[in-house]
Protein backbone atom coordinates (compact mmCIF):
# COMPACT_ATOMS: atom_id res chain seq x y z
CA MET A 1 0.00 0.00 0.00
CA ALA A 2 1.26 3.45 -0.83
CA LYS A 3 2.30 5.46 2.20
CA THR A 4 1.76 9.16 2.67
CA PRO A 5 5.02 10.86 1.58
CA SER A 6 7.02 12.88 4.03
CA ILE A 7 7.25 16.56 3.12
CA PRO A 8 10.99 18.65 3.71
CA LEU A 9 -7.06 25.70 21.26
CA VAL A 10 -11.64 27.38 27.60
CA ARG A 11 -15.13 26.78 28.06
CA GLY A 12 -17.26 29.85 28.96
CA LYS A 13 -17.18 30.76 32.64
CA LEU A 14 -20.62 32.36 33.03
CA GLU A 15 -22.88 30.14 35.11
CA GLN A 16 -26.39 30.90 36.30
CA ALA A 17 -27.68 30.07 39.76
CA PRO A 18 -29.41 26.67 40.13
CA PRO A 19 -32.89 26.89 38.54
CA ALA A 20 -36.30 26.09 39.91
CA GLU A 21 -37.97 22.77 39.08
CA GLY A 22 -38.43 22.15 35.34
CA LYS A 23 -35.93 24.76 34.16
CA GLN A 24 -32.48 24.38 32.69
CA GLN A 25 -28.92 24.96 33.85
CA HIS A 26 -26.63 26.81 31.49
CA LEU A 27 -22.95 27.43 30.98
CA ALA A 28 -22.18 30.09 28.39
CA SER A 29 -20.31 28.99 25.29
CA LYS A 30 -17.63 31.07 23.63
CA ARG A 31 -19.79 31.38 20.51
CA GLY A 32 -23.15 31.63 22.20
CA LYS A 33 -24.31 28.10 21.41
CA GLN A 34 -25.20 25.38 23.86
CA GLN A 35 -24.68 21.69 24.37
CA CYS A 36 -27.09 19.72 26.57
CA LEU A 37 -26.68 16.95 29.12
CA PRO A 38 -29.32 15.55 31.49
CA SER A 39 -28.93 16.49 35.14
CA LYS A 40 -29.47 14.14 38.08
CA LYS A 41 -33.01 15.46 38.65
CA GLY A 42 -34.18 15.06 35.07
CA LYS A 43 -33.43 18.65 34.11
CA GLN A 44 -30.96 19.63 31.42
CA GLN A 45 -27.54 21.14 31.80
CA CYS A 46 -26.18 23.06 28.82
CA LEU A 47 -22.48 23.22 28.06
CA SER A 48 -20.70 25.01 25.27
CA SER A 49 -19.87 23.19 22.06
CA LYS A 50 -16.48 23.94 20.56
CA LYS A 51 -18.05 24.82 17.21
CA GLY A 52 -21.42 25.94 18.47
CA LYS A 53 -23.41 22.87 17.49
CA GLN A 54 -25.38 20.38 19.54
CA GLN A 55 -24.52 16.72 19.70
CA CYS A 56 -27.43 14.69 21.03
CA LEU A 57 -28.37 11.07 21.62
CA SER A 58 -31.47 9.71 23.32
CA SER A 59 -30.94 8.64 26.93
CA LYS A 60 -32.50 5.59 28.54
CA LYS A 61 -35.28 7.77 30.06
CA GLY A 62 -36.21 9.38 26.76
CA LYS A 63 -34.24 12.57 27.33
CA GLN A 64 -31.43 13.88 25.18
CA GLN A 65 -27.80 13.34 25.96
CA CYS A 66 -25.18 15.28 24.04
CA LEU A 67 -21.89 13.61 23.27
CA PRO A 68 -18.75 14.41 21.28
CA PRO A 69 -18.42 12.53 17.99
CA ASP A 70 -15.70 10.21 19.23
CA LYS A 71 -18.24 8.97 21.82
CA GLY A 72 -21.03 8.62 19.32
CA GLY A 73 -22.20 12.24 18.97
CA SER A 74 -22.91 14.02 15.73
CA ARG A 75 -20.85 17.21 15.56
CA GLY A 76 -19.22 17.39 12.16
CA VAL A 77 -20.70 14.04 11.18
CA SER A 78 -23.47 13.82 8.59
CA SER A 79 -26.66 11.86 9.12
CA GLN A 80 -25.25 9.13 6.89
CA GLN A 81 -22.15 8.76 9.06
CA LYS A 82 -23.10 6.86 12.19
CA HIS A 83 -21.08 6.05 15.28
CA ILE A 84 -18.86 3.03 14.65
CA PRO A 85 -19.46 0.33 17.29
CA TYR A 86 -16.66 -1.86 18.56
CA ALA A 87 -16.11 -5.03 20.55
CA ASN A 88 -16.20 -4.41 24.32
CA ASN A 89 -13.15 -6.59 24.86
CA LEU A 90 -11.04 -3.96 23.07
CA LYS A 91 -11.51 -1.35 25.82
CA GLN A 92 -8.91 -2.77 28.20
CA LYS A 93 -6.38 -3.31 25.43
CA ALA A 94 -6.86 0.27 24.18
CA ARG A 95 -6.36 1.55 27.75
CA GLU A 96 -3.15 -0.42 28.09
CA ASN A 97 -1.90 0.90 24.75
CA ARG A 98 -2.56 4.50 25.85
CA GLN A 99 -0.61 3.89 29.04
CA ASN A 100 2.33 2.39 27.16
CA PRO A 101 2.80 4.34 23.91
CA THR A 102 5.71 3.77 21.60
CA ALA A 103 8.23 6.56 21.17
CA ALA A 104 6.76 7.45 17.79
CA GLU A 105 3.16 7.47 19.11
CA LYS A 106 4.17 9.71 22.00
CA LYS A 107 5.95 12.18 19.74
CA LEU A 108 3.13 12.42 17.18
CA TRP A 109 0.58 12.90 20.00
CA TYR A 110 2.41 15.65 21.88
CA LYS A 111 3.90 17.45 18.89
CA VAL A 112 1.03 17.26 16.37
CA LEU A 113 -2.34 15.92 17.56
CA GLN A 114 -2.92 16.70 21.25
CA ASN A 115 -5.15 19.66 22.24
CA ARG A 116 -6.38 20.29 18.68
CA GLN A 117 -2.97 21.37 17.41
CA LEU A 118 -3.78 20.09 13.92
CA LEU A 119 -6.12 22.72 12.43
CA GLY A 120 -8.41 22.59 15.47
CA TYR A 121 -9.47 18.95 15.01
CA LYS A 122 -9.88 16.65 18.02
CA PHE A 123 -7.99 13.37 17.90
CA THR A 124 -8.08 10.50 20.37
CA ARG A 125 -5.44 7.86 21.00
CA GLN A 126 -5.88 4.12 20.64
CA LYS A 127 -9.48 4.26 19.48
CA PRO A 128 -11.44 0.99 19.10
CA LEU A 129 -13.33 0.77 15.81
CA ASP A 130 -15.22 -2.39 14.89
CA ALA A 131 -12.75 -5.24 15.58
CA PHE A 132 -9.63 -3.03 15.53
CA ILE A 133 -7.77 -0.40 17.54
CA VAL A 134 -6.32 2.47 15.52
CA ASP A 135 -3.40 4.53 16.80
CA PHE A 136 -5.13 7.92 16.39
CA TYR A 137 -8.67 8.84 15.31
CA CYS A 138 -10.62 11.99 14.49
CA ALA A 139 -14.38 11.25 14.55
CA GLU A 140 -15.27 14.56 12.90
CA LEU A 141 -13.12 13.72 9.91
CA ARG A 142 -13.58 9.96 10.20
CA LEU A 143 -9.81 9.80 9.80
CA ALA A 144 -7.47 7.22 11.33
CA ILE A 145 -3.71 7.68 11.51
CA GLU A 146 -1.61 4.55 11.86
CA LEU A 147 2.11 4.30 12.62
CA ASP A 148 4.07 1.43 11.14
CA GLY A 149 6.98 -0.08 13.03
CA ASP A 150 9.29 -2.95 12.17
CA SER A 151 6.44 -5.46 12.38
CA HIS A 152 4.61 -3.85 9.44
CA ALA A 153 6.92 -5.53 6.95
CA THR A 154 5.83 -8.96 8.19
CA GLN A 155 2.08 -8.23 8.25
CA VAL A 156 1.45 -6.22 5.10
CA ALA A 157 -1.46 -8.41 4.01
CA TYR A 158 -3.16 -8.09 7.41
CA ASP A 159 -2.72 -4.31 7.47
CA GLU A 160 -4.17 -4.05 3.97
CA GLN A 161 -7.24 -6.11 4.94
CA ARG A 162 -7.69 -4.02 8.09
CA THR A 163 -7.43 -0.79 6.13
CA GLU A 164 -9.93 -1.99 3.53
CA LYS A 165 -12.43 -2.99 6.26
CA LEU A 166 -12.13 0.45 7.88
CA ARG A 167 -12.63 2.14 4.53
CA ARG A 168 -15.83 0.16 4.01
CA LEU A 169 -16.96 1.59 7.37
CA GLY A 170 -16.29 5.08 6.03
CA VAL A 171 -12.93 5.64 7.74
CA GLN A 172 -9.98 7.00 5.78
CA VAL A 173 -6.64 5.60 6.90
CA LEU A 174 -3.28 7.38 6.67
CA ARG A 175 -0.05 5.56 7.45
CA PHE A 176 3.36 6.88 8.48
CA ASN A 177 6.57 5.03 9.29
CA ASN A 178 7.87 5.36 12.85
CA SER A 179 11.09 6.69 11.38
CA ASP A 180 9.22 9.53 9.64
CA VAL A 181 7.74 10.63 12.96
CA LEU A 182 10.92 10.26 14.99
CA GLU A 183 13.25 11.87 12.46
CA ASN A 184 11.02 14.34 10.58
CA ILE A 185 8.05 15.34 12.76
CA GLU A 186 7.84 18.73 11.02
CA GLY A 187 7.46 16.99 7.68
CA VAL A 188 4.68 14.77 9.05
CA PHE A 189 2.89 17.82 10.47
CA ASP A 190 3.18 19.63 7.13
CA ALA A 191 1.96 16.59 5.20
CA LEU A 192 -1.13 16.27 7.41
CA GLN A 193 -1.88 19.99 7.19
CA GLN A 194 -1.57 19.95 3.41
CA MET A 195 -3.81 16.90 3.08
CA LEU A 196 -6.52 18.37 5.33
CA THR A 197 -6.52 21.77 3.64
CA THR A 198 -6.35 20.60 0.02
CA ALA A 199 -8.30 17.34 0.10
CA PRO A 200 -10.03 16.88 3.49
CA PRO A 201 -11.87 13.61 4.12
CA PRO A 202 -15.59 13.76 3.16
């Protein structure tokens, strides 16, 4: 499979007093929009959305619960692009992977992806998708970034099948060698920026 070539952002602070029965609690957003979560007493609590949109799912009691897209919400995701379920047994493995990142994963996370450094997009580490765990994932873009170490050379066929399955689920996959990240992190950052500004994922 062809690899991507290497190339040489505070929630509003305004809070109203607790409301009377049947009313709502609000936190101001930076852009004046609101995001809603159910409170313990069946009311709603509204929090700011980074881009001023609501992300809602139905709760067990018929109320709305608003979630970010990486947890199944809808911000930046069209009605045709649904949350991608995954096997529950992957949760523990993903947690272990986050606690023990490789040197390349750590560098790409801190230098490029953490805290919306890449054009304001939110990425998560070691994200379970279907039967797989991807190194980095942006739900808004439905974009996975994978880092290939020495083992990639011995499992090319498996990686290709995995990538094809993710693509059928609507996820675009980008791959970088560990050496690219460790030796040319600026080039990796530039390559990602160029790809997202000239041909962003649908």
